């Protein structure tokens, strides 16, 4: 399972994700933070349920190659880029379910593709947020090394898990995050608490 990245798939997703990440950041800048969090939380819970039900869902024929797979990957990039720019997330929570459920990739490969594809798209989204004044640069010196170490260790640990176990762990993280965001209150309600 070493080298679980499909570079072509990553490039296809990244190409369209880059194009939409900036638009997502601008959209987020104009939207109330609590609404963003609740929307994202609901989305995470929804895709978590789909991933859990994957073995019992009607089988989607695997798309081996050609235009159908390219189209799924490009559309995944469009959607992922916009949502990651809007929500300020790396995109894995959006991209991995899409490429597992729609493009037929297995969980390990989907997570590798997601990590590689989001490097350029995440950079574009982060730059757009920085330009809008939404980035606290003083936090980056601690965050960046931690993210790099966590990504390396997490990637290595993922290869020790079976496909089903990795999916369950991924879903648990998504549900925990989704529920946390769904519980976000509007500022008027939190002020009185």
N, C-alpha and C. Protein backbone atom coordinates (compact mmCIF):
# COMPACT_ATOMS: atom_id res chain seq x y z
N UNK A 1 0.80 -1.19 0.00
CA UNK A 1 0.00 0.00 0.00
C UNK A 1 0.85 1.26 0.00
N UNK A 2 2.17 1.14 0.00
CA UNK A 2 3.02 2.33 -0.04
C UNK A 2 2.79 3.05 -1.35
N UNK A 3 2.93 4.37 -1.32
CA UNK A 3 2.73 5.17 -2.53
C UNK A 3 1.27 5.23 -2.94
N UNK A 4 0.35 5.28 -1.95
CA UNK A 4 -1.08 5.27 -2.24
C UNK A 4 -1.56 6.65 -2.66
N UNK A 5 -1.08 7.10 -3.80
CA UNK A 5 -1.52 8.37 -4.37
C UNK A 5 -1.64 8.18 -5.88
N UNK A 6 -2.74 8.62 -6.44
CA UNK A 6 -2.91 8.65 -7.89
C UNK A 6 -2.65 10.09 -8.31
N UNK A 7 -1.45 10.34 -8.84
CA UNK A 7 -1.03 11.71 -9.17
C UNK A 7 -1.93 12.34 -10.22
N UNK A 8 -2.34 11.57 -11.23
CA UNK A 8 -3.21 12.11 -12.28
C UNK A 8 -4.54 12.57 -11.68
N UNK A 9 -5.13 11.74 -10.82
CA UNK A 9 -6.39 12.11 -10.18
C UNK A 9 -6.21 13.35 -9.32
N UNK A 10 -5.10 13.42 -8.59
CA UNK A 10 -4.82 14.59 -7.75
C UNK A 10 -4.70 15.86 -8.58
N UNK A 11 -4.02 15.78 -9.71
CA UNK A 11 -3.84 16.95 -10.58
C UNK A 11 -5.18 17.40 -11.15
N UNK A 12 -6.01 16.46 -11.58
CA UNK A 12 -7.33 16.81 -12.12
C UNK A 12 -8.19 17.52 -11.07
N UNK A 13 -8.20 16.98 -9.87
CA UNK A 13 -8.99 17.60 -8.80
C UNK A 13 -8.41 18.97 -8.45
N UNK A 14 -7.08 19.05 -8.31
CA UNK A 14 -6.45 20.31 -7.93
C UNK A 14 -6.69 21.40 -8.97
N UNK A 15 -6.70 21.03 -10.25
CA UNK A 15 -6.87 22.04 -11.31
C UNK A 15 -8.17 22.81 -11.15
N UNK A 16 -9.27 22.12 -10.87
CA UNK A 16 -10.53 22.83 -10.72
C UNK A 16 -10.71 23.36 -9.30
N UNK A 17 -10.11 22.70 -8.31
CA UNK A 17 -10.21 23.19 -6.93
C UNK A 17 -9.52 24.55 -6.79
N UNK A 18 -8.40 24.72 -7.47
CA UNK A 18 -7.69 26.00 -7.45
C UNK A 18 -8.58 27.11 -8.00
N UNK A 19 -9.30 26.78 -9.06
CA UNK A 19 -10.15 27.78 -9.72
C UNK A 19 -11.31 28.23 -8.84
N UNK A 20 -11.79 27.38 -7.93
CA UNK A 20 -12.96 27.74 -7.14
C UNK A 20 -12.66 28.09 -5.68
N UNK A 21 -11.44 27.81 -5.19
CA UNK A 21 -11.11 28.07 -3.79
C UNK A 21 -11.21 29.55 -3.45
N UNK A 22 -10.75 30.39 -4.35
CA UNK A 22 -10.78 31.84 -4.12
C UNK A 22 -12.23 32.33 -4.02
N UNK A 23 -13.09 31.83 -4.90
CA UNK A 23 -14.51 32.22 -4.86
C UNK A 23 -15.14 31.79 -3.54
N UNK A 24 -14.79 30.60 -3.06
CA UNK A 24 -15.31 30.13 -1.78
C UNK A 24 -14.88 31.02 -0.63
N UNK A 25 -13.63 31.46 -0.64
CA UNK A 25 -13.12 32.34 0.41
C UNK A 25 -13.88 33.67 0.41
N UNK A 26 -14.13 34.21 -0.76
CA UNK A 26 -14.87 35.47 -0.85
C UNK A 26 -16.32 35.30 -0.38
N UNK A 27 -16.92 34.18 -0.72
CA UNK A 27 -18.29 33.91 -0.29
C UNK A 27 -18.35 33.80 1.24
N UNK A 28 -17.38 33.10 1.82
CA UNK A 28 -17.34 32.93 3.27
C UNK A 28 -17.18 34.26 3.99
N UNK A 29 -16.39 35.15 3.40
CA UNK A 29 -16.12 36.45 4.02
C UNK A 29 -17.42 37.25 4.17
N UNK A 30 -18.39 37.00 3.30
CA UNK A 30 -19.64 37.74 3.31
C UNK A 30 -20.74 37.03 4.12
N UNK A 31 -20.46 35.84 4.65
CA UNK A 31 -21.49 35.05 5.33
C UNK A 31 -21.21 35.02 6.84
N UNK A 32 -22.28 34.95 7.65
CA UNK A 32 -22.13 34.87 9.10
C UNK A 32 -21.41 33.58 9.47
N UNK A 33 -20.45 33.69 10.41
CA UNK A 33 -19.63 32.54 10.79
C UNK A 33 -20.47 31.38 11.33
N UNK A 34 -21.48 31.67 12.15
CA UNK A 34 -22.28 30.59 12.73
C UNK A 34 -23.07 29.84 11.65
N UNK A 35 -23.50 30.54 10.61
CA UNK A 35 -24.20 29.87 9.51
C UNK A 35 -23.25 28.96 8.74
N UNK A 36 -22.03 29.44 8.53
CA UNK A 36 -21.01 28.61 7.87
C UNK A 36 -20.79 27.33 8.64
N UNK A 37 -20.60 27.46 9.95
CA UNK A 37 -20.31 26.30 10.78
C UNK A 37 -21.46 25.30 10.78
N UNK A 38 -22.67 25.79 10.91
CA UNK A 38 -23.82 24.88 10.91
C UNK A 38 -23.98 24.17 9.57
N UNK A 39 -23.81 24.92 8.48
CA UNK A 39 -23.92 24.31 7.15
C UNK A 39 -22.87 23.21 6.97
N UNK A 40 -21.65 23.52 7.37
CA UNK A 40 -20.57 22.56 7.25
C UNK A 40 -20.82 21.34 8.13
N UNK A 41 -21.31 21.56 9.35
CA UNK A 41 -21.62 20.46 10.26
C UNK A 41 -22.65 19.52 9.68
N UNK A 42 -23.72 20.07 9.12
CA UNK A 42 -24.74 19.25 8.50
C UNK A 42 -24.21 18.45 7.33
N UNK A 43 -23.36 19.09 6.53
CA UNK A 43 -22.76 18.41 5.39
C UNK A 43 -21.89 17.24 5.86
N UNK A 44 -21.08 17.47 6.90
CA UNK A 44 -20.20 16.40 7.40
C UNK A 44 -20.99 15.20 7.91
N UNK A 45 -22.05 15.46 8.66
CA UNK A 45 -22.86 14.35 9.17
C UNK A 45 -23.49 13.58 8.01
N UNK A 46 -23.98 14.29 6.99
CA UNK A 46 -24.58 13.65 5.83
C UNK A 46 -23.59 12.73 5.10
N UNK A 47 -22.38 13.25 4.79
CA UNK A 47 -21.42 12.40 4.07
C UNK A 47 -20.90 11.27 4.95
N UNK A 48 -20.87 11.47 6.26
CA UNK A 48 -20.46 10.40 7.17
C UNK A 48 -21.43 9.23 7.10
N UNK A 49 -22.71 9.55 7.07
CA UNK A 49 -23.72 8.50 6.97
C UNK A 49 -23.57 7.75 5.65
N UNK A 50 -23.33 8.49 4.55
CA UNK A 50 -23.12 7.83 3.26
C UNK A 50 -21.91 6.89 3.30
N UNK A 51 -20.81 7.34 3.90
CA UNK A 51 -19.61 6.50 3.98
C UNK A 51 -19.86 5.25 4.84
N UNK A 52 -20.60 5.41 5.94
CA UNK A 52 -20.91 4.26 6.77
C UNK A 52 -21.77 3.25 6.02
N UNK A 53 -22.69 3.77 5.21
CA UNK A 53 -23.60 2.89 4.47
C UNK A 53 -23.01 2.37 3.17
N UNK A 54 -21.80 2.79 2.83
CA UNK A 54 -21.20 2.42 1.55
C UNK A 54 -21.31 0.93 1.22
N UNK A 55 -20.98 0.04 2.16
CA UNK A 55 -21.07 -1.39 1.81
C UNK A 55 -22.50 -1.85 1.45
N UNK A 56 -23.52 -1.18 1.99
CA UNK A 56 -24.89 -1.61 1.71
C UNK A 56 -25.61 -0.73 0.69
N UNK A 57 -24.96 0.32 0.20
CA UNK A 57 -25.57 1.15 -0.84
C UNK A 57 -25.58 0.38 -2.16
N UNK A 58 -26.55 0.70 -3.03
CA UNK A 58 -26.52 0.06 -4.35
C UNK A 58 -25.17 0.31 -5.00
N UNK A 59 -24.62 -0.74 -5.57
CA UNK A 59 -23.27 -0.65 -6.14
C UNK A 59 -23.23 0.33 -7.31
N UNK A 60 -22.31 1.28 -7.20
CA UNK A 60 -22.06 2.18 -8.32
C UNK A 60 -20.95 1.53 -9.13
N UNK A 61 -21.20 1.28 -10.42
CA UNK A 61 -20.15 0.63 -11.21
C UNK A 61 -18.87 1.45 -11.17
N UNK A 62 -17.75 0.76 -10.97
CA UNK A 62 -16.47 1.46 -10.91
C UNK A 62 -16.15 2.09 -12.24
N UNK A 63 -15.65 3.32 -12.15
CA UNK A 63 -15.26 4.05 -13.34
C UNK A 63 -13.75 3.87 -13.46
N UNK A 64 -13.33 3.01 -14.38
CA UNK A 64 -11.91 2.69 -14.48
C UNK A 64 -11.08 3.79 -15.10
N UNK A 65 -11.55 4.40 -16.15
CA UNK A 65 -10.77 5.43 -16.83
C UNK A 65 -11.67 6.17 -17.80
N UNK A 66 -11.07 7.07 -18.52
CA UNK A 66 -11.80 7.78 -19.55
C UNK A 66 -12.54 8.99 -19.02
N UNK A 67 -13.39 9.52 -19.89
CA UNK A 67 -14.09 10.77 -19.60
C UNK A 67 -15.02 10.70 -18.39
N UNK A 68 -15.72 9.59 -18.15
CA UNK A 68 -16.58 9.58 -16.95
C UNK A 68 -15.79 9.82 -15.66
N UNK A 69 -14.64 9.14 -15.53
CA UNK A 69 -13.83 9.32 -14.32
C UNK A 69 -13.23 10.73 -14.29
N UNK A 70 -12.74 11.21 -15.42
CA UNK A 70 -12.18 12.56 -15.48
C UNK A 70 -13.24 13.59 -15.07
N UNK A 71 -14.46 13.41 -15.56
CA UNK A 71 -15.55 14.33 -15.23
C UNK A 71 -15.85 14.32 -13.74
N UNK A 72 -15.91 13.13 -13.14
CA UNK A 72 -16.15 13.03 -11.69
C UNK A 72 -15.04 13.73 -10.92
N UNK A 73 -13.79 13.53 -11.31
CA UNK A 73 -12.67 14.15 -10.61
C UNK A 73 -12.67 15.66 -10.76
N UNK A 74 -12.95 16.16 -11.96
CA UNK A 74 -12.99 17.61 -12.18
C UNK A 74 -14.13 18.25 -11.38
N UNK A 75 -15.30 17.62 -11.39
CA UNK A 75 -16.43 18.16 -10.62
C UNK A 75 -16.17 18.09 -9.11
N UNK A 76 -15.49 17.04 -8.69
CA UNK A 76 -15.11 16.94 -7.28
C UNK A 76 -14.20 18.10 -6.91
N UNK A 77 -13.27 18.44 -7.79
CA UNK A 77 -12.38 19.58 -7.55
C UNK A 77 -13.14 20.89 -7.47
N UNK A 78 -14.10 21.10 -8.36
CA UNK A 78 -14.90 22.33 -8.34
C UNK A 78 -15.59 22.48 -6.99
N UNK A 79 -16.28 21.43 -6.59
CA UNK A 79 -17.05 21.45 -5.35
C UNK A 79 -16.12 21.57 -4.14
N UNK A 80 -15.06 20.77 -4.13
CA UNK A 80 -14.13 20.76 -3.01
C UNK A 80 -13.40 22.09 -2.86
N UNK A 81 -12.94 22.63 -3.98
CA UNK A 81 -12.23 23.92 -3.92
C UNK A 81 -13.10 25.01 -3.34
N UNK A 82 -14.34 25.09 -3.82
CA UNK A 82 -15.24 26.13 -3.33
C UNK A 82 -15.52 25.94 -1.84
N UNK A 83 -15.89 24.71 -1.44
CA UNK A 83 -16.22 24.47 -0.04
C UNK A 83 -15.01 24.60 0.88
N UNK A 84 -13.84 24.17 0.43
CA UNK A 84 -12.68 24.32 1.30
C UNK A 84 -12.28 25.79 1.43
N UNK A 85 -12.42 26.56 0.34
CA UNK A 85 -12.18 27.99 0.43
C UNK A 85 -13.20 28.67 1.31
N UNK A 86 -14.44 28.22 1.25
CA UNK A 86 -15.52 28.80 2.03
C UNK A 86 -15.42 28.42 3.51
N UNK A 87 -15.16 27.14 3.76
CA UNK A 87 -15.18 26.64 5.13
C UNK A 87 -13.81 26.71 5.82
N UNK A 88 -12.76 26.94 5.04
CA UNK A 88 -11.44 26.99 5.65
C UNK A 88 -10.92 25.63 6.06
N UNK A 89 -11.31 24.59 5.34
CA UNK A 89 -10.86 23.23 5.65
C UNK A 89 -9.99 22.71 4.51
N UNK A 90 -9.24 21.66 4.80
CA UNK A 90 -8.36 21.11 3.79
C UNK A 90 -9.06 20.46 2.62
N UNK A 91 -10.27 20.06 2.77
CA UNK A 91 -11.01 19.48 1.67
C UNK A 91 -11.19 17.98 1.73
N UNK A 92 -10.43 17.31 2.59
CA UNK A 92 -10.52 15.85 2.68
C UNK A 92 -11.91 15.38 3.08
N UNK A 93 -12.57 16.13 3.96
CA UNK A 93 -13.90 15.76 4.42
C UNK A 93 -14.90 15.80 3.27
N UNK A 94 -14.62 16.56 2.26
CA UNK A 94 -15.50 16.69 1.11
C UNK A 94 -15.03 15.77 -0.01
N UNK A 95 -13.74 15.80 -0.27
CA UNK A 95 -13.17 15.09 -1.42
C UNK A 95 -13.16 13.57 -1.24
N UNK A 96 -12.76 13.09 -0.09
CA UNK A 96 -12.62 11.65 0.12
C UNK A 96 -13.96 10.93 -0.10
N UNK A 97 -15.06 11.38 0.53
CA UNK A 97 -16.32 10.68 0.25
C UNK A 97 -16.70 10.72 -1.24
N UNK A 98 -16.46 11.83 -1.89
CA UNK A 98 -16.82 11.93 -3.31
C UNK A 98 -16.04 10.95 -4.16
N UNK A 99 -14.74 10.84 -3.94
CA UNK A 99 -13.97 9.95 -4.81
C UNK A 99 -14.07 8.48 -4.41
N UNK A 100 -14.47 8.22 -3.16
CA UNK A 100 -14.74 6.83 -2.76
C UNK A 100 -16.09 6.39 -3.32
N UNK A 101 -17.11 7.23 -3.12
CA UNK A 101 -18.48 6.84 -3.50
C UNK A 101 -18.75 6.98 -4.99
N UNK A 102 -18.18 8.01 -5.64
CA UNK A 102 -18.52 8.27 -7.04
C UNK A 102 -17.48 7.77 -8.04
N UNK A 103 -16.20 7.82 -7.66
CA UNK A 103 -15.16 7.42 -8.61
C UNK A 103 -14.64 6.01 -8.34
N UNK A 104 -15.07 5.39 -7.24
CA UNK A 104 -14.71 4.00 -6.98
C UNK A 104 -13.32 3.77 -6.43
N UNK A 105 -12.65 4.81 -5.91
CA UNK A 105 -11.33 4.62 -5.31
C UNK A 105 -11.49 3.99 -3.94
N UNK A 106 -10.51 3.21 -3.51
CA UNK A 106 -10.53 2.66 -2.16
C UNK A 106 -10.06 3.74 -1.18
N UNK A 107 -10.37 3.54 0.09
CA UNK A 107 -10.18 4.58 1.12
C UNK A 107 -8.74 5.08 1.23
N UNK A 108 -7.76 4.17 1.25
CA UNK A 108 -6.37 4.59 1.38
C UNK A 108 -5.96 5.51 0.22
N UNK A 109 -6.28 5.09 -0.99
CA UNK A 109 -5.91 5.86 -2.17
C UNK A 109 -6.64 7.20 -2.20
N UNK A 110 -7.91 7.20 -1.81
CA UNK A 110 -8.70 8.44 -1.80
C UNK A 110 -8.08 9.46 -0.85
N UNK A 111 -7.62 9.00 0.31
CA UNK A 111 -7.02 9.92 1.27
C UNK A 111 -5.68 10.45 0.77
N UNK A 112 -4.91 9.62 0.09
CA UNK A 112 -3.65 10.10 -0.50
C UNK A 112 -3.89 11.11 -1.60
N UNK A 113 -4.86 10.84 -2.46
CA UNK A 113 -5.22 11.78 -3.54
C UNK A 113 -5.64 13.11 -2.95
N UNK A 114 -6.46 13.05 -1.91
CA UNK A 114 -6.96 14.26 -1.26
C UNK A 114 -5.82 15.11 -0.71
N UNK A 115 -4.89 14.49 -0.03
CA UNK A 115 -3.77 15.25 0.54
C UNK A 115 -2.95 15.95 -0.53
N UNK A 116 -2.67 15.23 -1.61
CA UNK A 116 -1.86 15.84 -2.67
C UNK A 116 -2.63 16.93 -3.41
N UNK A 117 -3.89 16.70 -3.72
CA UNK A 117 -4.68 17.67 -4.48
C UNK A 117 -4.90 18.96 -3.71
N UNK A 118 -4.98 18.89 -2.38
CA UNK A 118 -5.31 20.08 -1.61
C UNK A 118 -4.11 20.97 -1.32
N UNK A 119 -2.90 20.54 -1.67
CA UNK A 119 -1.74 21.41 -1.45
C UNK A 119 -1.88 22.70 -2.25
N UNK A 120 -2.03 22.64 -3.59
CA UNK A 120 -2.17 23.90 -4.32
C UNK A 120 -3.50 24.60 -4.07
N UNK A 121 -4.58 23.84 -3.96
CA UNK A 121 -5.90 24.45 -3.74
C UNK A 121 -5.96 25.12 -2.37
N UNK A 122 -5.41 24.47 -1.36
CA UNK A 122 -5.37 25.06 -0.02
C UNK A 122 -4.54 26.33 0.01
N UNK A 123 -3.44 26.34 -0.75
CA UNK A 123 -2.60 27.54 -0.81
C UNK A 123 -3.36 28.71 -1.42
N UNK A 124 -4.12 28.45 -2.48
CA UNK A 124 -4.91 29.51 -3.12
C UNK A 124 -5.99 30.02 -2.16
N UNK A 125 -6.69 29.11 -1.51
CA UNK A 125 -7.72 29.51 -0.55
C UNK A 125 -7.13 30.29 0.62
N UNK A 126 -5.99 29.83 1.13
CA UNK A 126 -5.33 30.52 2.24
C UNK A 126 -4.88 31.92 1.83
N UNK A 127 -4.36 32.04 0.62
CA UNK A 127 -3.93 33.35 0.13
C UNK A 127 -5.13 34.30 0.03
N UNK A 128 -6.25 33.80 -0.48
CA UNK A 128 -7.45 34.65 -0.59
C UNK A 128 -7.93 35.08 0.79
N UNK A 129 -7.92 34.17 1.76
CA UNK A 129 -8.30 34.54 3.13
C UNK A 129 -7.32 35.54 3.73
N UNK A 130 -6.03 35.36 3.47
CA UNK A 130 -5.02 36.30 3.97
C UNK A 130 -5.27 37.70 3.41
N UNK A 131 -5.57 37.77 2.10
CA UNK A 131 -5.86 39.07 1.47
C UNK A 131 -7.11 39.73 2.07
N UNK A 132 -8.05 38.91 2.54
CA UNK A 132 -9.28 39.44 3.14
C UNK A 132 -9.12 39.74 4.63
N UNK A 133 -7.92 39.47 5.17
CA UNK A 133 -7.66 39.74 6.58
C UNK A 133 -8.14 38.66 7.53
N UNK A 134 -8.33 37.44 7.02
CA UNK A 134 -8.86 36.35 7.84
C UNK A 134 -7.79 35.37 8.33
N UNK A 135 -6.53 35.75 8.29
CA UNK A 135 -5.45 34.85 8.71
C UNK A 135 -4.62 35.53 9.79
N UNK A 136 -4.41 34.83 10.90
CA UNK A 136 -3.52 35.33 11.96
C UNK A 136 -2.15 34.70 11.74
N UNK A 137 -1.28 35.42 11.08
CA UNK A 137 0.03 34.88 10.69
C UNK A 137 0.91 34.50 11.88
N UNK A 138 0.69 35.09 13.05
CA UNK A 138 1.52 34.76 14.20
C UNK A 138 1.31 33.31 14.67
N UNK A 139 0.22 32.68 14.25
CA UNK A 139 -0.03 31.28 14.63
C UNK A 139 0.66 30.28 13.71
N UNK A 140 1.08 30.74 12.54
CA UNK A 140 1.60 29.83 11.52
C UNK A 140 2.90 29.13 11.91
N UNK A 141 3.76 29.79 12.68
CA UNK A 141 5.04 29.17 13.03
C UNK A 141 4.86 27.91 13.87
N UNK A 142 3.78 27.83 14.64
CA UNK A 142 3.50 26.61 15.39
C UNK A 142 2.63 25.64 14.61
N UNK A 143 1.71 26.16 13.82
CA UNK A 143 0.77 25.30 13.10
C UNK A 143 1.44 24.51 11.97
N UNK A 144 2.24 25.16 11.18
CA UNK A 144 2.80 24.50 9.99
C UNK A 144 3.66 23.28 10.34
N UNK A 145 4.62 23.40 11.27
CA UNK A 145 5.38 22.18 11.62
C UNK A 145 4.49 21.08 12.20
N UNK A 146 3.50 21.46 13.01
CA UNK A 146 2.59 20.48 13.59
C UNK A 146 1.76 19.77 12.52
N UNK A 147 1.29 20.53 11.55
CA UNK A 147 0.51 19.95 10.46
C UNK A 147 1.36 18.98 9.64
N UNK A 148 2.59 19.39 9.35
CA UNK A 148 3.48 18.52 8.56
C UNK A 148 3.79 17.22 9.29
N UNK A 149 4.09 17.31 10.59
CA UNK A 149 4.38 16.11 11.37
C UNK A 149 3.13 15.23 11.50
N UNK A 150 1.98 15.86 11.76
CA UNK A 150 0.73 15.12 11.89
C UNK A 150 0.34 14.41 10.60
N UNK A 151 0.55 15.09 9.48
CA UNK A 151 0.24 14.49 8.18
C UNK A 151 1.13 13.29 7.91
N UNK A 152 2.41 13.41 8.19
CA UNK A 152 3.35 12.30 7.98
C UNK A 152 2.99 11.11 8.88
N UNK A 153 2.78 11.37 10.17
CA UNK A 153 2.45 10.28 11.09
C UNK A 153 1.09 9.67 10.77
N UNK A 154 0.10 10.52 10.49
CA UNK A 154 -1.23 10.02 10.17
C UNK A 154 -1.24 9.17 8.91
N UNK A 155 -0.48 9.61 7.90
CA UNK A 155 -0.38 8.84 6.66
C UNK A 155 0.23 7.47 6.89
N UNK A 156 1.25 7.43 7.72
CA UNK A 156 1.89 6.13 8.02
C UNK A 156 0.96 5.22 8.82
N UNK A 157 0.24 5.80 9.79
CA UNK A 157 -0.68 5.01 10.60
C UNK A 157 -1.85 4.48 9.77
N UNK A 158 -2.29 5.28 8.81
CA UNK A 158 -3.43 4.87 7.97
C UNK A 158 -3.14 3.58 7.21
N UNK A 159 -1.88 3.39 6.82
CA UNK A 159 -1.51 2.19 6.07
C UNK A 159 -1.52 0.93 6.92
N UNK A 160 -1.54 1.09 8.25
CA UNK A 160 -1.59 -0.06 9.13
C UNK A 160 -3.03 -0.53 9.38
N UNK A 161 -4.01 0.26 8.93
CA UNK A 161 -5.41 -0.08 9.15
C UNK A 161 -6.02 -0.70 7.90
N UNK A 162 -7.01 -1.55 8.09
CA UNK A 162 -7.73 -2.12 6.95
C UNK A 162 -8.61 -1.04 6.33
N UNK A 163 -9.07 -1.29 5.12
CA UNK A 163 -9.97 -0.36 4.42
C UNK A 163 -11.19 -0.01 5.27
N UNK A 164 -11.85 -1.02 5.82
CA UNK A 164 -13.06 -0.79 6.62
C UNK A 164 -12.78 -0.03 7.90
N UNK A 165 -11.69 -0.38 8.59
CA UNK A 165 -11.33 0.30 9.83
C UNK A 165 -10.98 1.75 9.55
N UNK A 166 -10.22 2.00 8.49
CA UNK A 166 -9.85 3.37 8.14
C UNK A 166 -11.10 4.20 7.84
N UNK A 167 -12.06 3.61 7.14
CA UNK A 167 -13.31 4.33 6.84
C UNK A 167 -14.05 4.67 8.12
N UNK A 168 -14.11 3.71 9.08
CA UNK A 168 -14.81 3.95 10.35
C UNK A 168 -14.13 5.08 11.13
N UNK A 169 -12.80 5.06 11.20
CA UNK A 169 -12.06 6.11 11.91
C UNK A 169 -12.34 7.47 11.25
N UNK A 170 -12.28 7.50 9.92
CA UNK A 170 -12.53 8.73 9.17
C UNK A 170 -13.95 9.24 9.45
N UNK A 171 -14.92 8.35 9.44
CA UNK A 171 -16.32 8.72 9.70
C UNK A 171 -16.50 9.24 11.13
N UNK A 172 -15.86 8.60 12.10
CA UNK A 172 -15.97 9.07 13.49
C UNK A 172 -15.45 10.49 13.64
N UNK A 173 -14.33 10.79 13.01
CA UNK A 173 -13.79 12.15 13.06
C UNK A 173 -14.75 13.13 12.40
N UNK A 174 -15.32 12.73 11.25
CA UNK A 174 -16.26 13.61 10.55
C UNK A 174 -17.52 13.86 11.39
N UNK A 175 -18.06 12.82 12.00
CA UNK A 175 -19.28 12.99 12.80
C UNK A 175 -19.00 13.86 14.01
N UNK A 176 -17.90 13.61 14.70
CA UNK A 176 -17.54 14.43 15.86
C UNK A 176 -17.43 15.90 15.47
N UNK A 177 -16.74 16.18 14.36
CA UNK A 177 -16.58 17.55 13.88
C UNK A 177 -17.92 18.13 13.45
N UNK A 178 -18.71 17.33 12.71
CA UNK A 178 -20.01 17.79 12.23
C UNK A 178 -20.94 18.17 13.36
N UNK A 179 -21.04 17.33 14.38
CA UNK A 179 -21.92 17.61 15.53
C UNK A 179 -21.44 18.86 16.26
N UNK A 180 -20.13 18.99 16.40
CA UNK A 180 -19.57 20.18 17.06
C UNK A 180 -20.00 21.45 16.31
N UNK A 181 -19.91 21.44 15.00
CA UNK A 181 -20.29 22.60 14.20
C UNK A 181 -21.80 22.82 14.18
N UNK A 182 -22.58 21.75 14.18
CA UNK A 182 -24.04 21.90 14.20
C UNK A 182 -24.53 22.58 15.47
N UNK A 183 -23.77 22.46 16.53
CA UNK A 183 -24.16 23.05 17.82
C UNK A 183 -23.79 24.53 17.93
N UNK A 184 -23.22 25.11 16.88
CA UNK A 184 -22.85 26.52 16.90
C UNK A 184 -24.10 27.39 17.01
N UNK A 185 -24.07 28.32 17.94
CA UNK A 185 -25.22 29.22 18.17
C UNK A 185 -24.97 30.57 17.50
N UNK A 186 -26.05 31.24 17.12
CA UNK A 186 -25.90 32.63 16.64
C UNK A 186 -25.37 33.51 17.76
N UNK A 187 -24.67 34.59 17.43
CA UNK A 187 -24.09 35.46 18.46
C UNK A 187 -25.12 35.97 19.48
N UNK A 188 -26.33 36.22 19.07
CA UNK A 188 -27.36 36.73 19.99
C UNK A 188 -27.68 35.70 21.08
N UNK A 189 -27.63 34.40 20.73
CA UNK A 189 -27.92 33.35 21.72
C UNK A 189 -26.73 33.04 22.61
N UNK A 190 -25.51 33.18 22.07
CA UNK A 190 -24.33 32.90 22.90
C UNK A 190 -24.05 34.03 23.86
N UNK A 191 -24.47 35.25 23.53
CA UNK A 191 -24.23 36.39 24.41
C UNK A 191 -25.04 36.26 25.70
N UNK A 192 -26.24 35.64 25.60
CA UNK A 192 -27.08 35.50 26.78
C UNK A 192 -26.77 34.28 27.61
N UNK A 193 -25.85 33.41 27.15
CA UNK A 193 -25.53 32.18 27.85
C UNK A 193 -24.49 32.39 28.91
